[in-house]
C-alpha atoms as a PDB file:
ATOM      1  CA  MET A   1       7.715  32.597  77.419  1.00  0.00           C
ATOM      2  CA  LYS A   2       8.259  36.310  77.917  1.00  0.00           C
ATOM      3  CA  LEU A   3      11.591  38.022  77.285  1.00  0.00           C
ATOM      4  CA  ASN A   4      12.017  40.540  80.094  1.00  0.00           C
ATOM      5  CA  THR A   5      15.320  42.221  79.255  1.00  0.00           C
ATOM      6  CA  PHE A   6      18.933  41.816  78.137  1.00  0.00           C
ATOM      7  CA  CYS A   7      22.110  42.161  80.155  1.00  0.00           C
ATOM      8  CA  GLN A   8      25.784  41.919  79.235  1.00  0.00           C
ATOM      9  CA  LEU A   9      28.946  40.218  80.385  1.00  0.00           C
ATOM     10  CA  THR A  10      32.025  42.108  79.266  1.00  0.00           C
ATOM     11  CA  ALA A  11      35.692  41.350  79.882  1.00  0.00           C
ATOM     12  CA  THR A  12      39.197  41.701  78.523  1.00  0.00           C
ATOM     13  CA  LEU A  13      40.544  38.444  77.103  1.00  0.00           C
ATOM     14  CA  ARG A  14      44.327  38.490  77.552  1.00  0.00           C
ATOM     15  CA  LEU A  15      46.696  36.033  75.882  1.00  0.00           C
ATOM     16  CA  LYS A  16      49.181  34.310  78.205  1.00  0.00           C
ATOM     17  CA  SER A  17      50.614  32.428  75.220  1.00  0.00           C
ATOM     18  CA  GLY A  18      50.258  32.798  71.454  1.00  0.00           C
ATOM     19  CA  LEU A  19      46.783  32.119  70.022  1.00  0.00           C
ATOM     20  CA  HIS A  20      46.068  30.223  66.805  1.00  0.00           C
ATOM     21  CA  ILE A  21      42.522  30.107  65.441  1.00  0.00           C
ATOM     22  CA  GLY A  22      42.920  28.900  61.885  1.00  0.00           C
ATOM     23  CA  SER A  23      41.419  30.477  58.786  1.00  0.00           C
ATOM     24  CA  GLY A  24      40.651  27.071  57.256  1.00  0.00           C
ATOM     25  CA  GLU A  25      42.913  27.789  54.284  1.00  0.00           C
ATOM     26  CA  LYS A  26      45.306  24.992  53.371  1.00  0.00           C
ATOM     27  CA  ALA A  27      48.910  26.132  53.513  1.00  0.00           C
ATOM     28  CA  HIS A  28      51.488  25.107  50.925  1.00  0.00           C
ATOM     29  CA  TYR A  29      54.458  23.164  52.223  1.00  0.00           C
ATOM     30  CA  GLY A  30      56.833  25.489  54.071  1.00  0.00           C
ATOM     31  CA  GLU A  31      54.271  28.264  54.501  1.00  0.00           C
ATOM     32  CA  PRO A  32      52.716  29.033  57.913  1.00  0.00           C
ATOM     33  CA  VAL A  33      49.132  28.036  58.628  1.00  0.00           C
ATOM     34  CA  SER A  34      47.325  31.369  58.777  1.00  0.00           C
ATOM     35  CA  VAL A  35      45.044  32.655  61.522  1.00  0.00           C
ATOM     36  CA  LEU A  36      41.515  33.918  60.923  1.00  0.00           C
ATOM     37  CA  LYS A  37      41.455  37.614  60.023  1.00  0.00           C
ATOM     38  CA  SER A  38      38.784  40.243  59.495  1.00  0.00           C
ATOM     39  CA  LEU A  39      38.143  41.038  55.830  1.00  0.00           C
ATOM     40  CA  GLN A  40      37.739  44.707  56.760  1.00  0.00           C
ATOM     41  CA  THR A  41      40.895  45.249  58.819  1.00  0.00           C
ATOM     42  CA  GLN A  42      43.043  42.187  57.996  1.00  0.00           C
ATOM     43  CA  LEU A  43      43.587  41.869  61.749  1.00  0.00           C
ATOM     44  CA  PRO A  44      42.993  38.629  63.671  1.00  0.00           C
ATOM     45  CA  TYR A  45      39.845  38.186  65.732  1.00  0.00           C
ATOM     46  CA  ILE A  46      38.215  35.466  67.829  1.00  0.00           C
ATOM     47  CA  PRO A  47      34.834  34.304  66.484  1.00  0.00           C
ATOM     48  CA  GLY A  48      32.057  34.101  69.049  1.00  0.00           C
ATOM     49  CA  SER A  49      31.560  30.478  68.037  1.00  0.00           C
ATOM     50  CA  SER A  50      35.037  29.615  69.362  1.00  0.00           C
ATOM     51  CA  ILE A  51      34.232  30.975  72.826  1.00  0.00           C
ATOM     52  CA  LYS A  52      30.750  29.445  72.846  1.00  0.00           C
ATOM     53  CA  GLY A  53      31.895  26.045  71.614  1.00  0.00           C
ATOM     54  CA  LYS A  54      34.783  25.796  74.080  1.00  0.00           C
ATOM     55  CA  MET A  55      32.684  26.949  77.034  1.00  0.00           C
ATOM     56  CA  ARG A  56      29.807  24.598  76.256  1.00  0.00           C
ATOM     57  CA  HIS A  57      32.136  21.644  75.658  1.00  0.00           C
ATOM     58  CA  LEU A  58      33.982  22.149  78.939  1.00  0.00           C
ATOM     59  CA  LEU A  59      30.763  22.538  80.929  1.00  0.00           C
ATOM     60  CA  GLU A  60      29.307  19.409  79.320  1.00  0.00           C
ATOM     61  CA  ILE A  61      32.310  17.178  79.992  1.00  0.00           C
ATOM     62  CA  THR A  62      32.640  18.581  83.517  1.00  0.00           C
ATOM     63  CA  TYR A  63      29.016  17.795  84.378  1.00  0.00           C
ATOM     64  CA  ASN A  64      28.624  14.632  82.257  1.00  0.00           C
ATOM     65  CA  LYS A  65      26.171  16.213  79.823  1.00  0.00           C
ATOM     66  CA  THR A  66      27.550  14.788  76.593  1.00  0.00           C
ATOM     67  CA  SER A  67      27.101  11.479  74.796  1.00  0.00           C
ATOM     68  CA  ASN A  68      29.605  10.096  72.260  1.00  0.00           C
ATOM     69  CA  GLY A  69      31.092  13.543  71.908  1.00  0.00           C
ATOM     70  CA  GLU A  70      27.794  15.136  70.843  1.00  0.00           C
ATOM     71  CA  PRO A  71      26.273  18.214  72.554  1.00  0.00           C
ATOM     72  CA  CYS A  72      23.593  17.593  75.153  1.00  0.00           C
ATOM     73  CA  SER A  73      20.153  17.465  73.538  1.00  0.00           C
ATOM     74  CA  CYS A  74      17.879  16.920  76.537  1.00  0.00           C
ATOM     75  CA  GLY A  75      16.563  20.467  76.085  1.00  0.00           C
ATOM     76  CA  LYS A  76      15.899  20.860  79.806  1.00  0.00           C
ATOM     77  CA  CYS A  77      19.177  20.975  81.743  1.00  0.00           C
ATOM     78  CA  GLN A  78      20.941  24.209  82.657  1.00  0.00           C
ATOM     79  CA  ILE A  79      23.426  23.852  79.804  1.00  0.00           C
ATOM     80  CA  CYS A  80      20.667  23.419  77.211  1.00  0.00           C
ATOM     81  CA  GLN A  81      18.819  26.384  78.729  1.00  0.00           C
ATOM     82  CA  LEU A  82      21.921  28.541  78.373  1.00  0.00           C
ATOM     83  CA  PHE A  83      23.286  27.392  75.003  1.00  0.00           C
ATOM     84  CA  GLY A  84      20.318  25.710  73.333  1.00  0.00           C
ATOM     85  CA  SER A  85      19.568  22.034  72.760  1.00  0.00           C
ATOM     86  CA  GLY A  86      21.800  20.024  70.439  1.00  0.00           C
ATOM     87  CA  LYS A  87      18.708  18.937  68.446  1.00  0.00           C
ATOM     88  CA  ALA A  88      15.834  20.916  66.973  1.00  0.00           C
ATOM     89  CA  ALA A  89      13.320  18.261  68.095  1.00  0.00           C
ATOM     90  CA  THR A  90      14.173  18.866  71.748  1.00  0.00           C
ATOM     91  CA  THR A  91      14.393  22.652  71.575  1.00  0.00           C
ATOM     92  CA  PHE A  92      11.717  23.767  74.019  1.00  0.00           C
ATOM     93  CA  GLU A  93      12.852  27.364  74.563  1.00  0.00           C
ATOM     94  CA  PRO A  94      15.365  29.867  73.133  1.00  0.00           C
ATOM     95  CA  SER A  95      18.981  29.847  74.265  1.00  0.00           C
ATOM     96  CA  ARG A  96      19.951  32.621  76.640  1.00  0.00           C
ATOM     97  CA  LEU A  97      23.536  33.370  75.599  1.00  0.00           C
ATOM     98  CA  ILE A  98      24.662  35.334  72.531  1.00  0.00           C
ATOM     99  CA  PHE A  99      28.426  35.332  71.936  1.00  0.00           C
ATOM    100  CA  ARG A 100      29.843  38.286  69.993  1.00  0.00           C
ATOM    101  CA  ASP A 101      33.021  38.121  67.921  1.00  0.00           C
ATOM    102  CA  CYS A 102      36.020  39.363  69.928  1.00  0.00           C
ATOM    103  CA  PHE A 103      38.153  42.073  68.331  1.00  0.00           C
ATOM    104  CA  LEU A 104      41.559  43.357  69.375  1.00  0.00           C
ATOM    105  CA  THR A 105      41.769  46.329  71.716  1.00  0.00           C
ATOM    106  CA  GLU A 106      43.124  49.493  70.109  1.00  0.00           C
ATOM    107  CA  LYS A 107      46.489  49.058  71.833  1.00  0.00           C
ATOM    108  CA  SER A 108      46.863  45.443  70.700  1.00  0.00           C
ATOM    109  CA  ALA A 109      45.709  46.247  67.147  1.00  0.00           C
ATOM    110  CA  ALA A 110      48.393  48.944  66.924  1.00  0.00           C
ATOM    111  CA  PHE A 111      50.980  46.467  68.221  1.00  0.00           C
ATOM    112  CA  ILE A 112      50.058  43.853  65.584  1.00  0.00           C
ATOM    113  CA  GLU A 113      50.137  46.442  62.813  1.00  0.00           C
ATOM    114  CA  LYS A 114      53.633  47.425  63.957  1.00  0.00           C
ATOM    115  CA  VAL A 115      55.283  44.035  64.595  1.00  0.00           C
ATOM    116  CA  ASP A 116      52.982  41.575  62.742  1.00  0.00           C
ATOM    117  CA  LEU A 117      51.981  38.084  63.891  1.00  0.00           C
ATOM    118  CA  GLU A 118      54.466  35.563  65.227  1.00  0.00           C
ATOM    119  CA  LYS A 119      55.405  32.330  63.466  1.00  0.00           C
ATOM    120  CA  LYS A 120      55.738  29.257  65.680  1.00  0.00           C
ATOM    121  CA  ALA A 121      57.710  26.384  64.167  1.00  0.00           C
ATOM    122  CA  GLY A 122      56.740  22.770  64.814  1.00  0.00           C
ATOM    123  CA  VAL A 123      57.690  19.306  63.634  1.00  0.00           C
ATOM    124  CA  ARG A 124      55.769  16.054  63.262  1.00  0.00           C
ATOM    125  CA  ILE A 125      57.461  13.005  64.779  1.00  0.00           C
ATOM    126  CA  ASP A 126      57.562   9.596  63.098  1.00  0.00           C
ATOM    127  CA  ARG A 127      56.222   7.305  65.824  1.00  0.00           C
ATOM    128  CA  LYS A 128      58.223   4.323  64.524  1.00  0.00           C
ATOM    129  CA  THR A 129      61.623   5.988  64.462  1.00  0.00           C
ATOM    130  CA  GLY A 130      61.155   8.689  67.074  1.00  0.00           C
ATOM    131  CA  LYS A 131      62.690  11.160  64.639  1.00  0.00           C
ATOM    132  CA  ALA A 132      61.277  13.959  62.529  1.00  0.00           C
ATOM    133  CA  ALA A 133      59.049  12.599  59.776  1.00  0.00           C
ATOM    134  CA  GLU A 134      59.642  13.418  56.129  1.00  0.00           C
ATOM    135  CA  LYS A 135      58.401  16.902  55.238  1.00  0.00           C
ATOM    136  CA  ALA A 136      57.369  17.223  58.868  1.00  0.00           C
ATOM    137  CA  LEU A 137      58.388  20.830  59.496  1.00  0.00           C
ATOM    138  CA  TYR A 138      55.489  23.267  59.731  1.00  0.00           C
ATOM    139  CA  SER A 139      54.750  26.644  61.274  1.00  0.00           C
ATOM    140  CA  LEU A 140      51.678  28.352  62.675  1.00  0.00           C
ATOM    141  CA  GLU A 141      50.739  32.005  62.664  1.00  0.00           C
ATOM    142  CA  ARG A 142      49.874  33.084  66.197  1.00  0.00           C
ATOM    143  CA  VAL A 143      48.577  36.237  67.811  1.00  0.00           C
ATOM    144  CA  PRO A 144      51.430  37.063  70.218  1.00  0.00           C
ATOM    145  CA  GLU A 145      51.369  36.636  73.980  1.00  0.00           C
ATOM    146  CA  GLY A 146      50.137  39.735  75.806  1.00  0.00           C
ATOM    147  CA  CYS A 147      47.631  40.841  73.166  1.00  0.00           C
ATOM    148  CA  GLU A 148      44.113  41.596  74.376  1.00  0.00           C
ATOM    149  CA  PHE A 149      40.624  41.208  72.915  1.00  0.00           C
ATOM    150  CA  ASN A 150      37.280  42.685  73.961  1.00  0.00           C
ATOM    151  CA  LEU A 151      34.846  39.972  75.071  1.00  0.00           C
ATOM    152  CA  GLN A 152      31.080  40.534  75.072  1.00  0.00           C
ATOM    153  CA  ILE A 153      28.341  38.020  75.845  1.00  0.00           C
ATOM    154  CA  SER A 154      24.734  39.187  75.648  1.00  0.00           C
ATOM    155  CA  VAL A 155      22.226  37.456  77.934  1.00  0.00           C
ATOM    156  CA  ARG A 156      18.525  37.084  77.206  1.00  0.00           C
ATOM    157  CA  VAL A 157      16.638  37.240  80.493  1.00  0.00           C
ATOM    158  CA  PHE A 158      13.246  35.528  80.425  1.00  0.00           C
ATOM    159  CA  GLU A 159      10.523  35.537  83.040  1.00  0.00           C
ATOM    160  CA  LYS A 160      11.365  33.222  85.964  1.00  0.00           C
ATOM    161  CA  ASP A 161      15.074  33.366  85.122  1.00  0.00           C
ATOM    162  CA  GLN A 162      17.468  33.823  88.037  1.00  0.00           C
ATOM    163  CA  LEU A 163      20.065  36.326  86.894  1.00  0.00           C
ATOM    164  CA  GLU A 164      22.533  35.424  89.654  1.00  0.00           C
ATOM    165  CA  SER A 165      22.481  31.791  88.517  1.00  0.00           C
ATOM    166  CA  VAL A 166      23.224  32.800  84.915  1.00  0.00           C
ATOM    167  CA  LYS A 167      26.151  34.856  86.209  1.00  0.00           C
ATOM    168  CA  GLN A 168      27.485  31.889  88.185  1.00  0.00           C
ATOM    169  CA  TRP A 169      27.287  29.569  85.168  1.00  0.00           C
ATOM    170  CA  LEU A 170      29.118  32.098  82.994  1.00  0.00           C
ATOM    171  CA  ALA A 171      31.770  32.501  85.690  1.00  0.00           C
ATOM    172  CA  MET A 172      32.258  28.725  85.774  1.00  0.00           C
ATOM    173  CA  GLY A 173      32.563  28.664  81.981  1.00  0.00           C
ATOM    174  CA  LEU A 174      35.255  31.366  82.041  1.00  0.00           C
ATOM    175  CA  PHE A 175      37.037  29.550  84.878  1.00  0.00           C
ATOM    176  CA  LEU A 176      37.157  26.293  82.906  1.00  0.00           C
ATOM    177  CA  ILE A 177      38.434  27.994  79.740  1.00  0.00           C
ATOM    178  CA  GLU A 178      41.266  29.574  81.735  1.00  0.00           C
ATOM    179  CA  HIS A 179      42.297  26.084  82.869  1.00  0.00           C
ATOM    180  CA  ASP A 180      42.064  24.647  79.348  1.00  0.00           C
ATOM    181  CA  ALA A 181      42.986  26.366  76.057  1.00  0.00           C
ATOM    182  CA  LEU A 182      41.369  28.301  73.235  1.00  0.00           C
ATOM    183  CA  GLY A 183      41.889  27.650  69.533  1.00  0.00           C
ATOM    184  CA  GLY A 184      44.248  25.162  67.935  1.00  0.00           C
ATOM    185  CA  SER A 185      47.390  23.480  69.318  1.00  0.00           C
ATOM    186  CA  GLY A 186      46.217  23.936  72.886  1.00  0.00           C
ATOM    187  CA  THR A 187      48.033  20.802  74.055  1.00  0.00           C
ATOM    188  CA  ARG A 188      51.251  22.187  72.532  1.00  0.00           C
ATOM    189  CA  GLY A 189      51.294  25.517  74.322  1.00  0.00           C
ATOM    190  CA  SER A 190      48.963  27.748  72.323  1.00  0.00           C
ATOM    191  CA  GLY A 191      45.728  29.343  73.525  1.00  0.00           C
ATOM    192  CA  TYR A 192      46.502  29.892  77.220  1.00  0.00           C
ATOM    193  CA  ILE A 193      44.288  32.846  78.180  1.00  0.00           C
ATOM    194  CA  GLU A 194      43.032  34.866  81.131  1.00  0.00           C
ATOM    195  CA  PHE A 195      39.971  37.067  81.634  1.00  0.00           C
ATOM    196  CA  ASP A 196      40.357  40.494  83.267  1.00  0.00           C
ATOM    197  CA  ASN A 197      38.046  43.418  84.067  1.00  0.00           C
ATOM    198  CA  ILE A 198      34.952  41.191  84.060  1.00  0.00           C
ATOM    199  CA  LYS A 199      31.606  42.912  84.504  1.00  0.00           C
ATOM    200  CA  PHE A 200      28.125  41.396  84.576  1.00  0.00           C
ATOM    201  CA  ASP A 201      25.078  43.653  84.268  1.00  0.00           C
ATOM    202  CA  GLY A 202      27.394  46.625  84.828  1.00  0.00           C
ATOM    203  CA  GLN A 203      28.867  45.283  88.086  1.00  0.00           C
ATOM    204  CA  ALA A 204      32.452  44.091  88.470  1.00  0.00           C
ATOM    205  CA  PHE A 205      33.047  40.435  89.317  1.00  0.00           C
ATOM    206  CA  GLU A 206      34.159  39.723  92.870  1.00  0.00           C
ATOM    207  CA  LYS A 207      37.943  39.511  93.258  1.00  0.00           C
ATOM    208  CA  ASP A 208      37.668  35.940  94.558  1.00  0.00           C
ATOM    209  CA  TRP A 209      35.411  34.651  91.767  1.00  0.00           C
ATOM    210  CA  ARG A 210      37.927  31.996  90.755  1.00  0.00           C
ATOM    211  CA  GLU A 211      38.175  30.662  94.299  1.00  0.00           C
ATOM    212  CA  LYS A 212      34.373  30.486  94.508  1.00  0.00           C
ATOM    213  CA  CYS A 213      34.215  28.532  91.245  1.00  0.00           C
ATOM    214  CA  GLN A 214      36.787  26.061  92.568  1.00  0.00           C
ATOM    215  CA  GLN A 215      34.930  25.646  95.860  1.00  0.00           C
ATOM    216  CA  ASN A 216      31.468  25.206  94.286  1.00  0.00           C
ATOM    217  CA  LYS A 217      32.491  23.209  91.209  1.00  0.00           C
ATOM    218  CA  ASP A 218      31.361  19.770  92.434  1.00  0.00           C
ATOM    219  CA  ASN A 219      27.851  20.904  93.414  1.00  0.00           C
ATOM    220  CA  PHE A 220      27.183  23.227  90.512  1.00  0.00           C
ATOM    221  CA  LEU A 221      24.246  21.325  89.004  1.00  0.00           C
ATOM    222  CA  ASN A 222      22.241  22.620  91.978  1.00  0.00           C
ATOM    223  CA  VAL A 223      22.495  26.151  90.548  1.00  0.00           C
ATOM    224  CA  LYS A 224      19.192  26.442  88.664  1.00  0.00           C
ATOM    225  CA  ILE A 225      18.754  28.873  85.783  1.00  0.00           C
ATOM    226  CA  LYS A 226      15.049  29.444  86.347  1.00  0.00           C
ATOM    227  CA  THR A 227      12.405  28.908  88.976  1.00  0.00           C
ATOM    228  CA  GLU A 228       9.673  26.348  88.284  1.00  0.00           C
END
């Protein structure tokens, strides 16, 4: 299987609500749950795994390519060709997509350094009483609404691959993420995002790319990644 070339998808990821991607550190009672930050800059960033995992998950549940919550492991469908099989035993070829970590734009980094992250308060409800549970108050650190990150996805292009099909699958993935949420507390308002200034292989996305995704969504499994 010959690797012919690489191409890139780039975009600006803009927050339409605060974003919380946790650091994994356990917070003491009364302290906010912290977001993931770069060790070099101490500024928040979005790991490539968060974008990849959310995009793959949404594509799999949209096109019924998951079983008991596990990633598809057929190794042959378009999703496995793009992201890789969920099992080593059924990995027949390399994945095509490489997701880079997303870092703040210079303008947004300067904003965070000036005003800091926001703290969103929350409370856990006792389901029996319908009132706030004991020691239920908590808060989350969030990257504020309006901040922007640089998104970059590198694409391996193998012989027989159809580049336009890869572009369409990536567009559908971005479309689904916009309708869902990124990071934690998505069902409670966090992680609402939008992609702007999208370019694929140096060319800007069509202005009506979202409408095309909506129109073609039900027949998308017909979009083949490679020719036989």
